Amino acid sequence: MMLAETTGNIHIGLAFGGAAIGIGIATAGGVIAMSRNPSMFGKILTFMFVGMALAEGWAVIAWLVVK
């Protein structure tokens, strides 16, 4: 019983760790794109937030499936 709980928690940690990496990559890409073309700030920021929300959303779905 304890092993099953530990394994489930490890999977949740990996899911949220992957989401955090994805959000970091999205943020870095957005900052690089904005520094290259500042006039596209609004569009880049919008797409960056959508990507970050999707990454976090998939982590929450993985959490709900594992729990």
N, C-alpha and C. Protein backbone atom coordinates (compact mmCIF):
# COMPACT_ATOMS: atom_id res chain seq x y z
N MET A 1 0.83 -1.19 0.00
CA MET A 1 0.00 0.00 0.00
C MET A 1 0.87 1.26 0.00
N MET A 2 1.88 1.28 0.82
CA MET A 2 2.75 2.44 0.91
C MET A 2 3.53 2.65 -0.39
N LEU A 3 3.93 1.55 -1.03
CA LEU A 3 4.67 1.65 -2.29
C LEU A 3 3.82 2.28 -3.37
N ALA A 4 2.54 1.94 -3.41
CA ALA A 4 1.64 2.53 -4.42
C ALA A 4 1.49 4.03 -4.21
N GLU A 5 1.39 4.46 -2.97
CA GLU A 5 1.28 5.90 -2.70
C GLU A 5 2.56 6.62 -3.08
N THR A 6 3.70 6.02 -2.79
CA THR A 6 4.98 6.64 -3.12
C THR A 6 5.14 6.74 -4.63
N THR A 7 4.81 5.68 -5.34
CA THR A 7 4.93 5.69 -6.79
C THR A 7 4.02 6.74 -7.41
N GLY A 8 2.81 6.87 -6.91
CA GLY A 8 1.89 7.89 -7.41
C GLY A 8 2.42 9.29 -7.18
N ASN A 9 3.00 9.51 -6.04
CA ASN A 9 3.55 10.83 -5.75
C ASN A 9 4.76 11.14 -6.62
N ILE A 10 5.54 10.12 -6.95
CA ILE A 10 6.69 10.34 -7.82
C ILE A 10 6.21 10.76 -9.21
N HIS A 11 5.16 10.13 -9.70
CA HIS A 11 4.63 10.48 -11.00
C HIS A 11 4.09 11.91 -11.03
N ILE A 12 3.43 12.29 -9.96
CA ILE A 12 2.91 13.66 -9.89
C ILE A 12 4.08 14.66 -9.89
N GLY A 13 5.11 14.36 -9.14
CA GLY A 13 6.28 15.23 -9.11
C GLY A 13 6.94 15.34 -10.48
N LEU A 14 7.03 14.23 -11.20
CA LEU A 14 7.60 14.27 -12.54
C LEU A 14 6.72 15.06 -13.50
N ALA A 15 5.42 14.92 -13.38
CA ALA A 15 4.51 15.67 -14.25
C ALA A 15 4.65 17.17 -14.02
N PHE A 16 4.67 17.60 -12.77
CA PHE A 16 4.80 19.03 -12.49
C PHE A 16 6.21 19.53 -12.77
N GLY A 17 7.20 18.66 -12.60
CA GLY A 17 8.57 19.05 -12.97
C GLY A 17 8.69 19.29 -14.47
N GLY A 18 8.05 18.41 -15.26
CA GLY A 18 8.05 18.59 -16.71
C GLY A 18 7.31 19.85 -17.12
N ALA A 19 6.22 20.15 -16.43
CA ALA A 19 5.48 21.38 -16.72
C ALA A 19 6.33 22.61 -16.40
N ALA A 20 7.06 22.55 -15.31
CA ALA A 20 7.91 23.67 -14.94
C ALA A 20 9.01 23.89 -15.97
N ILE A 21 9.57 22.80 -16.49
CA ILE A 21 10.58 22.92 -17.54
C ILE A 21 9.96 23.52 -18.80
N GLY A 22 8.76 23.06 -19.15
CA GLY A 22 8.08 23.60 -20.33
C GLY A 22 7.77 25.08 -20.19
N ILE A 23 7.35 25.50 -19.02
CA ILE A 23 7.07 26.91 -18.78
C ILE A 23 8.36 27.73 -18.86
N GLY A 24 9.44 27.19 -18.33
CA GLY A 24 10.72 27.90 -18.41
C GLY A 24 11.19 28.06 -19.85
N ILE A 25 11.02 27.01 -20.65
CA ILE A 25 11.42 27.08 -22.06
C ILE A 25 10.53 28.08 -22.81
N ALA A 26 9.23 28.08 -22.53
CA ALA A 26 8.33 29.03 -23.18
C ALA A 26 8.68 30.47 -22.81
N THR A 27 8.98 30.70 -21.56
CA THR A 27 9.34 32.05 -21.12
C THR A 27 10.64 32.50 -21.77
N ALA A 28 11.63 31.62 -21.80
CA ALA A 28 12.92 31.96 -22.42
C ALA A 28 12.74 32.27 -23.90
N GLY A 29 11.95 31.44 -24.60
CA GLY A 29 11.70 31.68 -26.02
C GLY A 29 10.98 32.99 -26.26
N GLY A 30 10.01 33.30 -25.38
CA GLY A 30 9.29 34.56 -25.52
C GLY A 30 10.17 35.76 -25.30
N VAL A 31 11.03 35.70 -24.32
CA VAL A 31 11.94 36.82 -24.03
C VAL A 31 12.92 37.02 -25.18
N ILE A 32 13.43 35.92 -25.72
CA ILE A 32 14.36 36.03 -26.85
C ILE A 32 13.65 36.63 -28.06
N ALA A 33 12.42 36.16 -28.33
CA ALA A 33 11.67 36.69 -29.47
C ALA A 33 11.35 38.17 -29.29
N MET A 34 10.99 38.56 -28.07
CA MET A 34 10.67 39.97 -27.81
C MET A 34 11.91 40.86 -27.91
N SER A 35 13.08 40.31 -27.56
CA SER A 35 14.28 41.12 -27.67
C SER A 35 14.70 41.30 -29.13
N ARG A 36 14.35 40.35 -29.97
CA ARG A 36 14.68 40.47 -31.39
C ARG A 36 13.71 41.36 -32.15
N ASN A 37 12.44 41.36 -31.74
CA ASN A 37 11.43 42.16 -32.42
C ASN A 37 10.47 42.76 -31.39
N PRO A 38 10.85 43.88 -30.79
CA PRO A 38 10.03 44.47 -29.73
C PRO A 38 8.62 44.90 -30.18
N SER A 39 8.43 45.15 -31.46
CA SER A 39 7.11 45.60 -31.91
C SER A 39 6.07 44.48 -31.86
N MET A 40 6.48 43.23 -31.75
CA MET A 40 5.56 42.09 -31.67
C MET A 40 5.30 41.67 -30.23
N PHE A 41 5.57 42.56 -29.29
CA PHE A 41 5.46 42.24 -27.86
C PHE A 41 4.11 41.64 -27.48
N GLY A 42 3.01 42.25 -27.92
CA GLY A 42 1.67 41.81 -27.53
C GLY A 42 1.34 40.41 -28.02
N LYS A 43 1.62 40.14 -29.30
CA LYS A 43 1.32 38.82 -29.86
C LYS A 43 2.20 37.74 -29.23
N ILE A 44 3.47 38.04 -29.06
CA ILE A 44 4.39 37.05 -28.48
C ILE A 44 3.97 36.74 -27.05
N LEU A 45 3.63 37.76 -26.29
CA LEU A 45 3.23 37.55 -24.90
C LEU A 45 1.95 36.72 -24.81
N THR A 46 1.02 36.98 -25.72
CA THR A 46 -0.23 36.21 -25.72
C THR A 46 0.04 34.73 -25.99
N PHE A 47 0.80 34.44 -27.04
CA PHE A 47 1.11 33.05 -27.37
C PHE A 47 1.94 32.38 -26.28
N MET A 48 2.81 33.14 -25.64
CA MET A 48 3.63 32.60 -24.56
C MET A 48 2.73 32.19 -23.39
N PHE A 49 1.76 33.03 -23.04
CA PHE A 49 0.85 32.69 -21.94
C PHE A 49 -0.03 31.49 -22.29
N VAL A 50 -0.44 31.38 -23.54
CA VAL A 50 -1.24 30.22 -23.96
C VAL A 50 -0.42 28.95 -23.82
N GLY A 51 0.82 28.98 -24.26
CA GLY A 51 1.70 27.82 -24.13
C GLY A 51 1.95 27.44 -22.69
N MET A 52 2.15 28.43 -21.85
CA MET A 52 2.38 28.17 -20.43
C MET A 52 1.13 27.57 -19.78
N ALA A 53 -0.04 28.06 -20.16
CA ALA A 53 -1.29 27.53 -19.60
C ALA A 53 -1.51 26.09 -20.04
N LEU A 54 -1.18 25.78 -21.29
CA LEU A 54 -1.32 24.41 -21.77
C LEU A 54 -0.37 23.47 -21.03
N ALA A 55 0.86 23.91 -20.80
CA ALA A 55 1.82 23.06 -20.09
C ALA A 55 1.34 22.79 -18.67
N GLU A 56 0.86 23.81 -18.01
CA GLU A 56 0.37 23.63 -16.64
C GLU A 56 -0.93 22.84 -16.62
N GLY A 57 -1.77 23.04 -17.61
CA GLY A 57 -3.03 22.31 -17.69
C GLY A 57 -2.81 20.81 -17.85
N TRP A 58 -1.85 20.42 -18.67
CA TRP A 58 -1.56 18.99 -18.84
C TRP A 58 -1.01 18.40 -17.56
N ALA A 59 -0.25 19.17 -16.80
CA ALA A 59 0.26 18.67 -15.52
C ALA A 59 -0.90 18.45 -14.54
N VAL A 60 -1.85 19.34 -14.52
CA VAL A 60 -3.01 19.18 -13.63
C VAL A 60 -3.84 17.98 -14.05
N ILE A 61 -4.00 17.78 -15.36
CA ILE A 61 -4.74 16.60 -15.84
C ILE A 61 -4.01 15.33 -15.43
N ALA A 62 -2.69 15.32 -15.56
CA ALA A 62 -1.91 14.15 -15.13
C ALA A 62 -2.08 13.91 -13.64
N TRP A 63 -2.14 14.98 -12.86
CA TRP A 63 -2.32 14.86 -11.41
C TRP A 63 -3.68 14.25 -11.10
N LEU A 64 -4.71 14.70 -11.82
CA LEU A 64 -6.05 14.17 -11.58
C LEU A 64 -6.15 12.70 -12.00
N VAL A 65 -5.47 12.32 -13.07
CA VAL A 65 -5.51 10.94 -13.52
C VAL A 65 -4.79 10.02 -12.55
N VAL A 66 -3.64 10.46 -12.03
CA VAL A 66 -2.86 9.62 -11.11
C VAL A 66 -3.57 9.50 -9.78
N LYS A 67 -4.14 10.58 -9.28
CA LYS A 67 -4.84 10.54 -7.98
C LYS A 67 -6.14 9.87 -8.19
